[in-house]
Amino acid sequence: MKAFVLAAGLGTRLKPFTDEHPKCLVKVGGMPLLELALRRLARVGVGTVVVNAHHHAEQVDAFLRKKAPELGLRAEVSFEDPVLETGGGLLKAAPLLLGEGPVLVCNSDIVTDLDLAL
């Protein structure tokens, strides 16, 4: 199964951290938001994750190159310039999401204990 993680936001309410970092790398409980999302997705059987990125996209890409393999995930980045919002981001990433059946779409900046098992 594949997942699409929305992570292109500017994080304007989290300044000054987001002046130098993407919102998805803000730490909650000592762990970046994006890592929390990746761990939850890996636990429910996601094998491939596509993450959209805009603000400090190079940091998102570097983080995924390191962290995704550690979690047993294959990761790709859908780079956006300009930022495309939710629907536009999904449309741009669609070619990377085709194939393996259903696609789970989630935000990188939502912390929840919702059971994602399908």
C-alpha atoms as a PDB file:
ATOM      1  CA  MET A   1       0.000   0.000   0.000  1.00  0.00           C
ATOM      2  CA  LYS A   2       1.073   3.592  -0.624  1.00  0.00           C
ATOM      3  CA  ALA A   3       0.496   6.753   1.368  1.00  0.00           C
ATOM      4  CA  PHE A   4       0.614  10.427   0.493  1.00  0.00           C
ATOM      5  CA  VAL A   5       1.739  12.755   3.276  1.00  0.00           C
ATOM      6  CA  LEU A   6       0.961  16.445   3.002  1.00  0.00           C
ATOM      7  CA  ALA A   7       4.023  18.322   4.233  1.00  0.00           C
ATOM      8  CA  ALA A   8       4.393  21.392   1.996  1.00  0.00           C
ATOM      9  CA  GLY A   9       2.962  23.979   4.396  1.00  0.00           C
ATOM     10  CA  LEU A  10       4.813  27.138   5.352  1.00  0.00           C
ATOM     11  CA  GLY A  11       4.222  26.849   9.094  1.00  0.00           C
ATOM     12  CA  THR A  12       3.799  30.589   9.540  1.00  0.00           C
ATOM     13  CA  ARG A  13       2.294  30.193  13.019  1.00  0.00           C
ATOM     14  CA  LEU A  14       5.396  28.322  14.179  1.00  0.00           C
ATOM     15  CA  LYS A  15       7.906  31.058  13.494  1.00  0.00           C
ATOM     16  CA  PRO A  16      10.754  31.545  14.236  1.00  0.00           C
ATOM     17  CA  PHE A  17      11.459  27.783  13.957  1.00  0.00           C
ATOM     18  CA  THR A  18       9.950  27.656  10.480  1.00  0.00           C
ATOM     19  CA  ASP A  19      12.128  30.506   9.243  1.00  0.00           C
ATOM     20  CA  GLU A  20      14.875  27.889   8.970  1.00  0.00           C
ATOM     21  CA  HIS A  21      13.011  24.538   8.959  1.00  0.00           C
ATOM     22  CA  PRO A  22       9.887  22.972   7.457  1.00  0.00           C
ATOM     23  CA  LYS A  23       6.852  22.610   9.705  1.00  0.00           C
ATOM     24  CA  CYS A  24       6.864  18.819   9.310  1.00  0.00           C
ATOM     25  CA  LEU A  25      10.210  18.647  11.143  1.00  0.00           C
ATOM     26  CA  VAL A  26       8.900  20.381  14.269  1.00  0.00           C
ATOM     27  CA  LYS A  27       9.449  17.990  17.168  1.00  0.00           C
ATOM     28  CA  VAL A  28       6.579  16.795  19.344  1.00  0.00           C
ATOM     29  CA  GLY A  29       7.619  14.666  22.293  1.00  0.00           C
ATOM     30  CA  GLY A  30      11.179  14.678  20.951  1.00  0.00           C
ATOM     31  CA  MET A  31      10.253  13.359  17.493  1.00  0.00           C
ATOM     32  CA  PRO A  32       9.640  15.250  14.232  1.00  0.00           C
ATOM     33  CA  LEU A  33       6.000  15.332  13.122  1.00  0.00           C
ATOM     34  CA  LEU A  34       6.934  13.677   9.839  1.00  0.00           C
ATOM     35  CA  GLU A  35       8.608  10.797  11.661  1.00  0.00           C
ATOM     36  CA  LEU A  36       5.511  10.277  13.812  1.00  0.00           C
ATOM     37  CA  ALA A  37       3.446  10.009  10.625  1.00  0.00           C
ATOM     38  CA  LEU A  38       5.925   7.662   8.939  1.00  0.00           C
ATOM     39  CA  ARG A  39       6.036   5.343  11.949  1.00  0.00           C
ATOM     40  CA  ARG A  40       2.228   5.102  12.059  1.00  0.00           C
ATOM     41  CA  LEU A  41       2.063   4.417   8.329  1.00  0.00           C
ATOM     42  CA  ALA A  42       4.733   1.710   8.506  1.00  0.00           C
ATOM     43  CA  ARG A  43       2.842   0.024  11.370  1.00  0.00           C
ATOM     44  CA  VAL A  44      -0.297  -0.358   9.240  1.00  0.00           C
ATOM     45  CA  GLY A  45       1.510  -1.881   6.277  1.00  0.00           C
ATOM     46  CA  VAL A  46       2.352   1.076   4.079  1.00  0.00           C
ATOM     47  CA  GLY A  47       5.396   0.230   1.974  1.00  0.00           C
ATOM     48  CA  THR A  48       5.780   3.387  -0.101  1.00  0.00           C
ATOM     49  CA  VAL A  49       5.233   6.942   1.010  1.00  0.00           C
ATOM     50  CA  VAL A  50       5.109  10.040  -1.188  1.00  0.00           C
ATOM     51  CA  VAL A  51       5.603  13.326   0.646  1.00  0.00           C
ATOM     52  CA  ASN A  52       4.930  16.699  -0.924  1.00  0.00           C
ATOM     53  CA  ALA A  53       7.407  19.409  -0.015  1.00  0.00           C
ATOM     54  CA  HIS A  54       7.812  23.109  -0.681  1.00  0.00           C
ATOM     55  CA  HIS A  55       9.121  25.158   2.259  1.00  0.00           C
ATOM     56  CA  HIS A  56      12.705  24.005   2.981  1.00  0.00           C
ATOM     57  CA  ALA A  57      12.053  21.011   0.715  1.00  0.00           C
ATOM     58  CA  GLU A  58      15.712  19.991   0.740  1.00  0.00           C
ATOM     59  CA  GLN A  59      15.469  19.298   4.492  1.00  0.00           C
ATOM     60  CA  VAL A  60      12.374  17.140   3.951  1.00  0.00           C
ATOM     61  CA  ASP A  61      14.177  15.218   1.200  1.00  0.00           C
ATOM     62  CA  ALA A  62      17.287  14.682   3.346  1.00  0.00           C
ATOM     63  CA  PHE A  63      15.181  13.565   6.310  1.00  0.00           C
ATOM     64  CA  LEU A  64      13.280  11.031   4.170  1.00  0.00           C
ATOM     65  CA  ARG A  65      16.444   9.629   2.589  1.00  0.00           C
ATOM     66  CA  LYS A  66      17.753   8.854   6.077  1.00  0.00           C
ATOM     67  CA  LYS A  67      14.628   7.942   8.039  1.00  0.00           C
ATOM     68  CA  ALA A  68      12.416   6.057   5.562  1.00  0.00           C
ATOM     69  CA  PRO A  69      14.824   3.124   5.037  1.00  0.00           C
ATOM     70  CA  GLU A  70      15.271   2.807   8.814  1.00  0.00           C
ATOM     71  CA  LEU A  71      11.487   2.322   9.040  1.00  0.00           C
ATOM     72  CA  GLY A  72      11.308  -0.106   6.133  1.00  0.00           C
ATOM     73  CA  LEU A  73       9.690   2.440   3.833  1.00  0.00           C
ATOM     74  CA  ARG A  74      10.400   3.489   0.284  1.00  0.00           C
ATOM     75  CA  ALA A  75       9.972   7.269   0.045  1.00  0.00           C
ATOM     76  CA  GLU A  76       9.629   9.772  -2.759  1.00  0.00           C
ATOM     77  CA  VAL A  77       9.272  13.538  -2.622  1.00  0.00           C
ATOM     78  CA  SER A  78       6.876  15.501  -4.790  1.00  0.00           C
ATOM     79  CA  PHE A  79       8.528  18.926  -4.956  1.00  0.00           C
ATOM     80  CA  GLU A  80       6.163  21.875  -5.299  1.00  0.00           C
ATOM     81  CA  ASP A  81       7.013  25.382  -6.467  1.00  0.00           C
ATOM     82  CA  PRO A  82       4.768  27.193  -5.928  1.00  0.00           C
ATOM     83  CA  VAL A  83       2.960  25.453  -3.084  1.00  0.00           C
ATOM     84  CA  LEU A  84      -0.158  23.799  -4.548  1.00  0.00           C
ATOM     85  CA  GLU A  85      -2.408  23.312  -1.499  1.00  0.00           C
ATOM     86  CA  THR A  86      -4.097  19.965  -0.798  1.00  0.00           C
ATOM     87  CA  GLY A  87      -5.843  19.164  -4.091  1.00  0.00           C
ATOM     88  CA  GLY A  88      -3.075  20.526  -6.281  1.00  0.00           C
ATOM     89  CA  GLY A  89      -0.443  18.667  -4.317  1.00  0.00           C
ATOM     90  CA  LEU A  90      -2.334  15.407  -4.662  1.00  0.00           C
ATOM     91  CA  LEU A  91      -2.843  15.949  -8.401  1.00  0.00           C
ATOM     92  CA  LYS A  92       0.866  16.672  -8.937  1.00  0.00           C
ATOM     93  CA  ALA A  93       1.877  13.577  -6.937  1.00  0.00           C
ATOM     94  CA  ALA A  94      -0.690  11.302  -8.631  1.00  0.00           C
ATOM     95  CA  PRO A  95       1.809   9.705 -11.066  1.00  0.00           C
ATOM     96  CA  LEU A  96       3.929   8.629  -8.086  1.00  0.00           C
ATOM     97  CA  LEU A  97       0.896   7.098  -6.370  1.00  0.00           C
ATOM     98  CA  LEU A  98      -0.437   4.918  -9.173  1.00  0.00           C
ATOM     99  CA  GLY A  99      -0.218   1.157  -8.894  1.00  0.00           C
ATOM    100  CA  GLU A 100      -0.354  -0.858  -5.690  1.00  0.00           C
ATOM    101  CA  GLY A 101      -4.054  -0.410  -4.810  1.00  0.00           C
ATOM    102  CA  PRO A 102      -5.441   2.070  -2.291  1.00  0.00           C
ATOM    103  CA  VAL A 103      -3.614   5.223  -1.230  1.00  0.00           C
ATOM    104  CA  LEU A 104      -3.871   6.548   2.299  1.00  0.00           C
ATOM    105  CA  VAL A 105      -3.691  10.357   2.455  1.00  0.00           C
ATOM    106  CA  CYS A 106      -2.690  12.080   5.686  1.00  0.00           C
ATOM    107  CA  ASN A 107      -1.297  15.341   6.974  1.00  0.00           C
ATOM    108  CA  SER A 108       2.147  15.501   8.522  1.00  0.00           C
ATOM    109  CA  ASP A 109       1.039  18.036  11.111  1.00  0.00           C
ATOM    110  CA  ILE A 110      -1.754  16.123  12.814  1.00  0.00           C
ATOM    111  CA  VAL A 111      -0.946  14.068  15.900  1.00  0.00           C
ATOM    112  CA  THR A 112      -3.605  11.490  16.637  1.00  0.00           C
ATOM    113  CA  ASP A 113      -4.095   7.974  17.952  1.00  0.00           C
ATOM    114  CA  LEU A 114      -6.683   7.170  15.262  1.00  0.00           C
ATOM    115  CA  ASP A 115      -6.369   3.553  14.140  1.00  0.00           C
ATOM    116  CA  LEU A 116      -5.221   3.702  10.502  1.00  0.00           C
ATOM    117  CA  ALA A 117      -5.520  -0.041   9.893  1.00  0.00           C
ATOM    118  CA  LEU A 118      -7.633  -0.724   6.815  1.00  0.00           C
END
